[in-house]
Amino acid sequence: YVALSYCWGGDQKHKTTRQHMPTRTIASSELPKTIQDAVHVAWELGQKYLWVDSMCLIQDDEEDKAREMAQMPQIYNSAVVTILAASAERASDGFLHPRPEPQVFQFSMQVGNEKAEVYGLEADDFGFPTPLDRRGWCLQERVLSNRILVFDRRHIRFKCTCARAPGRVHTDGWTSQAEGRSDFDSLIISKKESLRDIWNPIVEDYSQRQFTIASDRVVAISGVAARLASQVNDMYLAGHWSSSLPHDLLWQRKWDGATCRLFDGPTWSWTVAAGTVKLFKESTDTHSQERIAVFCDAKIELQHEAAPYGAVKQAILTVK
């Protein structure tokens, strides 16, 4: 099957609910344009099935959503490819459109004794964040996928995270230095890396993203946490890891002039605060590494037992 990562852009009339699930029938013409385009791409790739979150999760059944969200690592990892509708602001936009012609300009310059021709590309929106780069759920959908097919405004890109060789990004258009943005090439912890080396940059990127439902902030990164947890002997605590405590209690929210809203959850976790956060980075200075507190224990009460890396009802840390 093929999976789809896209921006909803508001409530979805076609979404699956308990009321109409037993007799679910929907004509393709009634689907939003983005899903119609994804069906077309999946069919052209020779695949019969398409996984779409708004249709494959029962949207008004919290137990079903919690259970299925816990399966996100397997869902995206096992897909033949994940389609990223990067250029679509909302589900109704679609992503299979004629491309705008790039504005290329040329000028000559002297390099030593040689003349050179320089070609430039008008910036426009090239290299800037796409709608998917601003949505919270889309980060884990991207990094959990082994293969992604990105439909951007100016070009299509294919990337396979299984490949280790340079140039593993294939494109039919222009490339840019922003090519690796938010890819976090692999969630596999190497011998040269620690859990924090991978987790902290992901959190900082993730925390600046937007959520239609504010409480999803602690949930929409749970698939990444589950994937990393399978590789380490560590305890996940509402956005933090026990091996990084108590240092990570020193997280900071980037000041943007807005009021810091607090969401449901433990007040010591970055997941309760709106806005971009930065996790603590240990200094090489020996004095700054002197420990004045030690993490002892934690008691976590989950909202859903089927989602061990999801939302919590209560979480208590013990430090000394």
Protein backbone atom coordinates (compact mmCIF):
# COMPACT_ATOMS: atom_id res chain seq x y z
CA TYR A 1 0.00 0.00 0.00
CA VAL A 2 0.89 3.69 -0.35
CA ALA A 3 0.55 6.15 2.55
CA LEU A 4 -0.37 9.82 2.28
CA SER A 5 0.93 12.78 4.28
CA TYR A 6 -0.99 16.00 3.71
CA CYS A 7 -2.49 19.08 5.35
CA TRP A 8 -6.16 18.79 6.29
CA GLY A 9 -6.78 22.52 6.31
CA GLY A 10 -9.89 22.18 8.46
CA ASP A 11 -12.52 19.59 9.19
CA GLN A 12 -12.95 16.81 6.61
CA LYS A 13 -16.48 15.90 5.45
CA HIS A 14 -15.31 12.53 4.16
CA LYS A 15 -13.72 11.44 7.47
CA THR A 16 -14.67 8.13 9.03
CA THR A 17 -16.93 8.28 12.09
CA ARG A 18 -18.74 5.64 14.12
CA GLN A 19 -22.07 6.70 12.64
CA HIS A 20 -21.40 5.84 9.01
CA MET A 21 -18.52 3.36 9.30
CA PRO A 22 -20.59 0.12 9.01
CA THR A 23 -22.05 1.15 5.63
CA ARG A 24 -19.14 3.19 4.32
CA THR A 25 -19.35 3.91 0.60
CA ILE A 26 -17.92 7.01 -1.02
CA ALA A 27 -17.49 8.00 -4.65
CA SER A 28 -14.00 9.12 -5.66
CA SER A 29 -15.46 12.37 -6.99
CA GLU A 30 -16.59 13.20 -3.43
CA LEU A 31 -13.06 12.99 -2.05
CA PRO A 32 -10.93 16.12 -1.59
CA LYS A 33 -8.65 16.85 -4.54
CA THR A 34 -5.47 15.94 -2.63
CA ILE A 35 -6.79 12.45 -1.90
CA GLN A 36 -8.02 12.08 -5.49
CA ASP A 37 -4.51 12.95 -6.70
CA ALA A 38 -2.98 10.46 -4.25
CA VAL A 39 -5.30 7.73 -5.56
CA HIS A 40 -4.12 8.53 -9.09
CA VAL A 41 -0.43 8.38 -8.12
CA ALA A 42 -0.88 5.12 -6.20
CA TRP A 43 -2.67 3.56 -9.18
CA GLU A 44 0.06 4.70 -11.58
CA LEU A 45 2.62 3.09 -9.26
CA GLY A 46 0.75 -0.18 -9.54
CA GLN A 47 -0.53 -0.17 -5.96
CA LYS A 48 -4.13 -1.08 -5.08
CA TYR A 49 -4.34 0.41 -1.60
CA LEU A 50 -3.92 3.86 -0.12
CA TRP A 51 -3.69 4.65 3.60
CA VAL A 52 -5.23 8.02 4.55
CA ASP A 53 -5.51 9.00 8.22
CA SER A 54 -8.88 10.79 7.93
CA MET A 55 -10.43 7.64 6.48
CA CYS A 56 -8.49 4.84 8.18
CA LEU A 57 -8.96 6.12 11.76
CA ILE A 58 -12.38 6.45 13.37
CA GLN A 59 -12.17 10.15 14.07
CA ASP A 60 -14.75 10.32 16.89
CA ASP A 61 -13.51 7.21 18.71
CA GLU A 62 -10.65 8.17 21.05
CA GLU A 63 -9.80 4.57 21.91
CA ASP A 64 -9.53 3.60 18.25
CA LYS A 65 -7.41 6.66 17.46
CA ALA A 66 -5.07 5.98 20.39
CA ARG A 67 -4.71 2.35 19.34
CA GLU A 68 -4.03 3.21 15.70
CA MET A 69 -1.70 6.10 16.51
CA ALA A 70 0.45 3.66 18.45
CA GLN A 71 0.83 1.75 15.16
CA MET A 72 2.12 4.77 13.21
CA PRO A 73 5.75 3.55 13.08
CA GLN A 74 4.61 0.31 11.47
CA ILE A 75 2.06 2.00 9.17
CA TYR A 76 4.48 4.46 7.59
CA ASN A 77 7.54 2.23 7.77
CA SER A 78 5.75 -0.62 5.99
CA ALA A 79 4.29 1.49 3.17
CA VAL A 80 5.80 0.97 -0.29
CA VAL A 81 6.16 4.75 -0.40
CA THR A 82 4.66 7.76 1.38
CA ILE A 83 3.30 10.54 -0.82
CA LEU A 84 4.03 13.99 0.60
CA ALA A 85 1.58 16.55 -0.76
CA ALA A 86 4.03 19.31 0.10
CA SER A 87 2.52 22.07 -2.04
CA ALA A 88 -1.08 21.75 -0.81
CA GLU A 89 -2.24 24.09 1.97
CA ARG A 90 -5.46 22.10 2.44
CA ALA A 91 -7.00 18.82 1.33
CA SER A 92 -9.12 20.53 -1.30
CA ASP A 93 -6.07 21.98 -3.12
CA GLY A 94 -4.61 18.86 -4.71
CA PHE A 95 -0.98 18.59 -5.75
CA LEU A 96 -0.97 17.47 -9.39
CA HIS A 97 -0.88 20.87 -11.08
CA PRO A 98 1.02 22.40 -14.01
CA ARG A 99 4.28 23.78 -12.68
CA PRO A 100 5.14 27.46 -12.88
CA GLU A 101 8.08 28.16 -15.16
CA PRO A 102 11.14 29.12 -13.10
CA GLN A 103 12.47 32.61 -13.75
CA VAL A 104 16.13 32.11 -14.67
CA PHE A 105 18.46 35.05 -15.27
CA GLN A 106 21.99 35.13 -16.68
CA PHE A 107 24.97 37.45 -16.44
CA SER A 108 28.70 37.38 -17.17
CA MET A 109 31.51 37.88 -14.70
CA GLN A 110 35.31 37.90 -14.72
CA VAL A 111 37.11 35.17 -12.77
CA GLY A 112 40.84 35.93 -12.95
CA ASN A 113 41.70 35.86 -16.64
CA GLU A 114 38.62 33.86 -17.50
CA LYS A 115 35.07 34.93 -18.23
CA ALA A 116 32.25 32.99 -16.65
CA GLU A 117 28.52 32.81 -17.26
CA VAL A 118 26.39 32.81 -14.12
CA TYR A 119 22.83 31.53 -14.02
CA GLY A 120 20.51 32.50 -11.19
CA LEU A 121 17.09 31.31 -10.12
CA GLU A 122 14.47 33.72 -8.83
CA ALA A 123 13.91 32.90 -5.17
CA ASP A 124 10.09 32.98 -5.12
CA ASP A 125 9.13 30.13 -2.76
CA PHE A 126 12.07 27.92 -3.70
CA GLY A 127 13.89 26.46 -0.72
CA PHE A 128 11.39 27.88 1.78
CA PRO A 129 9.25 25.75 4.13
CA THR A 130 6.29 24.04 2.49
CA PRO A 131 2.85 23.73 4.12
CA LEU A 132 3.89 20.26 5.34
CA ASP A 133 6.95 21.73 7.07
CA ARG A 134 4.61 23.80 9.25
CA ARG A 135 2.26 21.02 10.38
CA GLY A 136 2.98 18.99 13.50
CA TRP A 137 1.67 15.60 12.40
CA CYS A 138 3.59 15.68 9.13
CA LEU A 139 7.04 15.47 10.73
CA GLN A 140 6.68 11.93 12.04
CA GLU A 141 4.85 10.83 8.91
CA ARG A 142 7.96 11.87 6.99
CA VAL A 143 10.68 10.51 9.24
CA LEU A 144 8.94 7.18 9.88
CA SER A 145 8.73 6.44 6.15
CA ASN A 146 11.42 4.43 4.41
CA ARG A 147 10.64 6.02 1.05
CA ILE A 148 9.04 9.38 0.33
CA LEU A 149 7.74 10.89 -2.90
CA VAL A 150 7.51 14.65 -2.46
CA PHE A 151 5.25 16.71 -4.71
CA ASP A 152 6.50 20.27 -4.32
CA ARG A 153 5.35 23.31 -6.25
CA ARG A 154 8.30 23.30 -8.64
CA HIS A 155 9.53 19.72 -8.67
CA ILE A 156 9.08 16.11 -7.55
CA ARG A 157 11.63 14.42 -5.31
CA PHE A 158 12.09 10.79 -4.36
CA LYS A 159 14.12 9.80 -1.35
CA CYS A 160 14.89 6.38 0.06
CA THR A 161 16.29 6.41 3.59
CA CYS A 162 17.52 2.86 3.11
CA ALA A 163 20.21 4.12 0.74
CA ARG A 164 23.39 5.40 2.39
CA ALA A 165 25.21 6.64 -0.72
CA PRO A 166 25.46 10.38 -1.44
CA GLY A 167 22.91 11.67 -3.93
CA ARG A 168 20.14 9.39 -2.75
CA VAL A 169 17.67 12.22 -3.36
CA HIS A 170 16.39 12.02 -6.92
CA THR A 171 14.59 14.98 -8.41
CA ASP A 172 13.21 16.00 -11.79
CA GLY A 173 13.82 19.66 -11.04
CA TRP A 174 16.08 22.02 -9.13
CA THR A 175 17.77 21.02 -5.91
CA SER A 176 18.71 23.30 -3.05
CA GLN A 177 20.69 23.43 0.17
CA ALA A 178 17.38 23.06 1.99
CA GLU A 179 17.05 19.54 0.55
CA GLY A 180 17.63 17.85 3.90
CA ARG A 181 15.34 20.12 5.91
CA SER A 182 13.27 18.11 8.40
CA ASP A 183 14.36 14.80 6.88
CA PHE A 184 16.47 13.69 9.87
CA ASP A 185 17.95 11.13 7.53
CA SER A 186 17.58 8.17 9.85
CA LEU A 187 16.03 7.30 13.19
CA ILE A 188 18.65 4.60 13.66
CA ILE A 189 21.00 5.44 16.52
CA SER A 190 24.58 4.80 15.42
CA LYS A 191 27.57 4.07 17.65
CA LYS A 192 28.72 7.67 17.18
CA GLU A 193 25.39 9.15 18.30
CA SER A 194 23.41 9.31 21.48
CA LEU A 195 19.66 9.32 21.86
CA ARG A 196 19.81 13.06 22.58
CA ASP A 197 21.73 13.73 19.35
CA ILE A 198 18.72 12.55 17.37
CA TRP A 199 15.84 13.48 19.69
CA ASN A 200 16.74 17.08 20.53
CA PRO A 201 16.86 18.45 16.95
CA ILE A 202 13.60 16.68 16.16
CA VAL A 203 11.89 18.24 19.21
CA GLU A 204 13.13 21.71 18.30
CA ASP A 205 11.82 21.38 14.73
CA TYR A 206 8.58 19.76 15.88
CA SER A 207 7.80 22.30 18.60
CA GLN A 208 7.63 25.21 16.15
CA ARG A 209 4.95 23.49 14.06
CA GLN A 210 1.21 24.11 14.15
CA PHE A 211 -1.65 21.94 15.38
CA THR A 212 -5.36 22.25 14.65
CA ILE A 213 -6.03 20.46 17.93
CA ALA A 214 -3.63 21.84 20.55
CA SER A 215 -3.65 18.68 22.67
CA ASP A 216 -2.11 16.75 19.76
CA ARG A 217 1.25 18.34 20.63
CA VAL A 218 2.16 15.47 22.96
CA VAL A 219 0.67 12.80 20.67
CA ALA A 220 1.92 13.66 17.18
CA ILE A 221 5.54 12.82 18.02
CA SER A 222 4.73 9.52 19.74
CA GLY A 223 5.59 7.44 16.66
CA VAL A 224 9.11 8.86 16.60
CA ALA A 225 9.48 8.15 20.33
CA ALA A 226 8.30 4.56 19.82
CA ARG A 227 10.82 3.99 17.01
CA LEU A 228 13.71 5.32 19.11
CA ALA A 229 12.57 3.47 22.24
CA SER A 230 12.90 0.16 20.41
CA GLN A 231 16.66 0.77 20.15
CA VAL A 232 17.52 1.88 23.67
CA ASN A 233 17.01 0.79 27.26
CA ASP A 234 15.37 4.02 28.36
CA MET A 235 12.09 5.31 29.77
CA TYR A 236 9.96 7.78 27.83
CA LEU A 237 8.37 10.42 30.05
CA ALA A 238 5.93 12.82 28.33
CA GLY A 239 8.41 14.12 25.76
CA HIS A 240 11.58 13.43 27.75
CA TRP A 241 13.89 10.44 28.28
CA SER A 242 14.98 9.34 31.73
CA SER A 243 18.64 9.22 30.64
CA SER A 244 18.47 12.96 29.83
CA LEU A 245 17.00 13.98 33.17
CA PRO A 246 17.31 16.16 35.11
CA HIS A 247 19.20 18.20 32.46
CA ASP A 248 16.23 18.32 30.09
CA LEU A 249 14.08 19.96 32.74
CA LEU A 250 16.02 23.09 31.78
CA TRP A 251 14.20 23.36 28.44
CA GLN A 252 13.40 26.88 27.32
CA ARG A 253 10.59 28.35 25.26
CA LYS A 254 11.73 30.73 22.55
CA TRP A 255 10.37 34.20 23.29
CA ASP A 256 8.08 35.42 20.50
CA GLY A 257 6.06 38.01 22.37
CA ALA A 258 3.00 35.76 22.58
CA THR A 259 1.43 34.40 25.73
CA CYS A 260 2.72 30.96 26.65
CA ARG A 261 -0.39 28.80 26.65
CA LEU A 262 -0.31 25.68 28.78
CA PHE A 263 -1.88 22.44 27.57
CA ASP A 264 -2.92 19.39 29.55
CA GLY A 265 0.03 17.48 30.91
CA PRO A 266 2.86 17.71 33.44
CA THR A 267 4.12 21.27 33.83
CA TRP A 268 7.75 20.11 33.77
CA SER A 269 7.38 18.84 30.18
CA TRP A 270 7.97 20.97 27.07
CA THR A 271 4.84 19.43 25.53
CA VAL A 272 2.54 21.64 27.63
CA ALA A 273 3.89 24.96 26.33
CA ALA A 274 2.96 26.46 22.96
CA GLY A 275 5.77 27.67 20.74
CA THR A 276 9.32 26.69 19.86
CA VAL A 277 11.39 25.09 22.61
CA LYS A 278 15.09 24.41 22.97
CA LEU A 279 16.33 21.51 25.05
CA PHE A 280 19.33 21.86 27.33
CA LYS A 281 22.75 21.26 25.78
CA GLU A 282 25.49 20.13 28.10
CA SER A 283 28.59 22.30 28.11
CA THR A 284 32.12 20.94 27.86
CA ASP A 285 32.99 23.15 30.79
CA THR A 286 33.49 20.84 33.76
CA HIS A 287 32.06 23.31 36.26
CA SER A 288 28.76 23.59 34.38
CA GLN A 289 28.49 19.78 34.37
CA GLU A 290 28.60 19.54 38.15
CA ARG A 291 25.37 17.82 39.15
CA ILE A 292 23.17 19.50 41.72
CA ALA A 293 20.21 17.20 41.13
CA VAL A 294 19.73 13.54 40.24
CA PHE A 295 16.71 11.85 38.65
CA CYS A 296 15.38 9.08 40.87
CA ASP A 297 12.02 7.84 39.69
CA ALA A 298 8.86 8.63 37.71
CA LYS A 299 5.23 7.63 37.94
CA ILE A 300 3.24 7.95 34.73
CA GLU A 301 -0.51 7.49 34.29
CA LEU A 302 -1.37 7.20 30.61
CA GLN A 303 -4.60 8.43 29.06
CA HIS A 304 -4.71 5.28 26.93
CA GLU A 305 -2.84 2.11 27.86
CA ALA A 306 -2.67 1.18 24.17
CA ALA A 307 -0.54 4.29 23.53
CA PRO A 308 2.50 4.15 25.87
CA TYR A 309 4.19 7.07 24.08
CA GLY A 310 1.07 9.24 23.88
CA ALA A 311 -0.80 11.60 26.18
CA VAL A 312 -0.63 11.24 29.96
CA LYS A 313 -3.17 11.96 32.68
CA GLN A 314 -0.55 12.50 35.33
CA ALA A 315 3.22 12.33 35.57
CA ILE A 316 5.31 12.78 38.70
CA LEU A 317 9.10 13.00 38.78
CA THR A 318 11.22 12.38 41.84
CA VAL A 319 14.60 14.09 41.98
CA LYS A 320 17.06 14.67 44.78
